[in-house]
Protein backbone atom coordinates (compact mmCIF):
# COMPACT_ATOMS: atom_id res chain seq x y z
CA UNK A 1 -45.75 7.29 10.20
CA UNK A 2 -47.40 7.41 6.80
CA UNK A 3 -48.21 3.94 5.49
CA UNK A 4 -47.00 3.29 1.95
CA UNK A 5 -48.52 -0.08 1.07
CA UNK A 6 -51.31 -2.36 2.25
CA UNK A 7 -50.40 -3.94 5.58
CA UNK A 8 -52.14 -6.75 7.47
CA UNK A 9 -50.65 -8.91 10.27
CA UNK A 10 -47.23 -7.33 9.85
CA UNK A 11 -44.31 -8.70 11.85
CA UNK A 12 -42.33 -6.11 13.82
CA UNK A 13 -39.14 -7.00 11.97
CA UNK A 14 -40.86 -6.14 8.66
CA UNK A 15 -42.89 -3.13 9.82
CA UNK A 16 -40.71 -0.39 8.34
CA UNK A 17 -41.10 -1.99 4.88
CA UNK A 18 -44.71 -0.72 4.96
CA UNK A 19 -43.83 2.90 5.77
CA UNK A 20 -43.81 5.53 3.03
CA UNK A 21 -42.31 8.15 5.30
CA UNK A 22 -42.60 10.32 8.36
CA UNK A 23 -44.57 13.50 8.95
CA UNK A 24 -45.75 15.53 11.94
CA UNK A 25 -49.16 15.19 13.59
CA UNK A 26 -50.45 17.57 16.25
CA UNK A 27 -52.93 15.21 17.89
CA UNK A 28 -55.00 17.79 19.78
CA UNK A 29 -57.35 16.56 22.50
CA UNK A 30 -60.05 18.42 24.40
CA UNK A 31 -59.77 16.81 27.83
CA UNK A 32 -63.01 18.45 29.01
CA UNK A 33 -64.95 16.88 26.11
CA UNK A 34 -63.41 13.50 26.89
CA UNK A 35 -64.45 13.71 30.53
CA UNK A 36 -67.99 14.77 29.56
CA UNK A 37 -68.48 12.13 26.86
CA UNK A 38 -66.20 9.33 28.09
CA UNK A 39 -65.26 9.00 24.41
CA UNK A 40 -62.56 10.25 22.09
CA UNK A 41 -64.95 11.01 19.19
CA UNK A 42 -65.57 14.68 20.00
CA UNK A 43 -62.43 15.24 22.09
CA UNK A 44 -60.14 14.29 19.19
CA UNK A 45 -62.46 14.71 16.21
CA UNK A 46 -63.43 18.36 16.41
CA UNK A 47 -62.63 20.59 13.42
CA UNK A 48 -58.97 21.76 13.37
CA UNK A 49 -57.88 19.15 15.95
CA UNK A 50 -55.43 17.10 13.89
CA UNK A 51 -53.18 19.22 11.70
CA UNK A 52 -50.65 17.17 9.71
CA UNK A 53 -47.55 18.16 7.76
CA UNK A 54 -45.75 20.13 6.49
CA UNK A 55 -44.16 17.33 4.40
CA UNK A 56 -43.69 13.56 4.24
CA UNK A 57 -40.00 12.68 4.51
CA UNK A 58 -38.94 9.34 3.06
CA UNK A 59 -35.93 7.29 4.13
CA UNK A 60 -35.93 8.70 7.66
CA UNK A 61 -35.31 6.35 10.58
CA UNK A 62 -37.85 7.40 13.24
CA UNK A 63 -36.14 5.61 16.12
CA UNK A 64 -34.10 8.49 17.48
CA UNK A 65 -35.57 11.82 16.38
CA UNK A 66 -35.85 14.88 18.64
CA UNK A 67 -39.42 16.14 19.19
CA UNK A 68 -40.24 19.59 20.52
CA UNK A 69 -43.52 21.45 20.98
CA UNK A 70 -43.73 25.17 21.56
CA UNK A 71 -46.80 27.08 22.72
CA UNK A 72 -46.56 30.79 21.87
CA UNK A 73 -42.79 30.37 21.48
CA UNK A 74 -42.25 28.67 24.86
CA UNK A 75 -41.03 25.05 24.82
CA UNK A 76 -43.63 22.87 26.57
CA UNK A 77 -42.52 19.44 25.32
CA UNK A 78 -39.02 18.23 24.53
CA UNK A 79 -38.20 14.58 24.05
CA UNK A 80 -36.95 11.96 21.63
CA UNK A 81 -38.63 9.17 19.67
CA UNK A 82 -36.36 6.74 21.52
CA UNK A 83 -38.36 7.57 24.68
CA UNK A 84 -41.72 6.37 23.31
CA UNK A 85 -43.51 3.68 25.32
CA UNK A 86 -44.00 1.65 22.14
CA UNK A 87 -41.54 1.66 19.27
CA UNK A 88 -42.79 2.44 15.77
CA UNK A 89 -42.35 -1.15 14.58
CA UNK A 90 -44.48 -2.43 17.46
CA UNK A 91 -47.25 0.09 16.76
CA UNK A 92 -47.44 -0.83 13.07
CA UNK A 93 -47.46 -4.55 13.86
CA UNK A 94 -50.08 -4.17 16.60
CA UNK A 95 -52.44 -1.98 14.61
CA UNK A 96 -52.15 -4.20 11.51
CA UNK A 97 -53.44 -7.16 13.51
CA UNK A 98 -56.81 -5.46 14.03
CA UNK A 99 -57.22 -3.30 10.95
CA UNK A 100 -55.80 -3.37 7.47
CA UNK A 101 -53.56 -0.39 6.90
CA UNK A 102 -53.77 1.24 3.48
CA UNK A 103 -51.47 3.64 1.64
CA UNK A 104 -51.84 7.12 3.12
CA UNK A 105 -53.00 5.91 6.55
CA UNK A 106 -51.34 7.68 9.46
CA UNK A 107 -50.16 6.20 12.73
CA UNK A 108 -49.48 8.84 15.37
CA UNK A 109 -46.84 7.56 17.77
CA UNK A 110 -47.73 9.46 20.92
CA UNK A 111 -46.77 12.62 22.71
CA UNK A 112 -44.08 13.51 25.25
CA UNK A 113 -44.82 14.78 28.73
CA UNK A 114 -45.87 18.40 28.94
CA UNK A 115 -49.37 18.54 27.53
CA UNK A 116 -51.50 21.40 28.73
CA UNK A 117 -54.37 23.72 27.95
CA UNK A 118 -54.49 25.97 24.91
CA UNK A 119 -56.76 28.90 24.22
CA UNK A 120 -58.06 30.75 21.20
CA UNK A 121 -55.28 32.69 19.51
CA UNK A 122 -52.44 30.50 20.79
CA UNK A 123 -49.83 29.35 18.27
CA UNK A 124 -48.54 25.79 18.48
CA UNK A 125 -45.36 24.63 16.77
CA UNK A 126 -44.42 20.95 16.68
CA UNK A 127 -40.88 20.32 15.45
CA UNK A 128 -39.47 16.91 14.60
CA UNK A 129 -35.83 16.53 13.69
CA UNK A 130 -35.36 15.80 10.01
CA UNK A 131 -38.95 16.75 9.10
CA UNK A 132 -39.44 20.39 10.01
CA UNK A 133 -42.02 22.44 11.89
CA UNK A 134 -45.80 22.10 11.84
CA UNK A 135 -47.35 25.39 12.98
CA UNK A 136 -51.02 25.98 13.68
CA UNK A 137 -53.11 28.46 15.59
CA UNK A 138 -55.91 27.65 17.99
CA UNK A 139 -59.29 28.87 16.75
């Protein structure tokens, strides 16, 4: 979700009023860094680890969109936003209780089962119904 206006202490029923639109985030994690550091700073914050795009789509209801991830053309994740542990409205409400959300802020909603290792030269495609395909290579 891309936040469209300042949000603090948002009620779930009003959460979507604060959303500009939807985009795709490939929230890459280096599990080995996380185990070494016991922190997400390096494991999620390394250069190239969070590609976003290719567009922001407005007016899209995120509650029932198909999500698919392909690694070198092979489908490794296939799910639907309806299968998320926490619905989008809950995430926005929860996060806004602890931090003020500002226009342009992103909330990544999670990932389906099927995560796995990647290596240099791999190509990752994340496709979300109604948004398109975010493609990036591992460097």
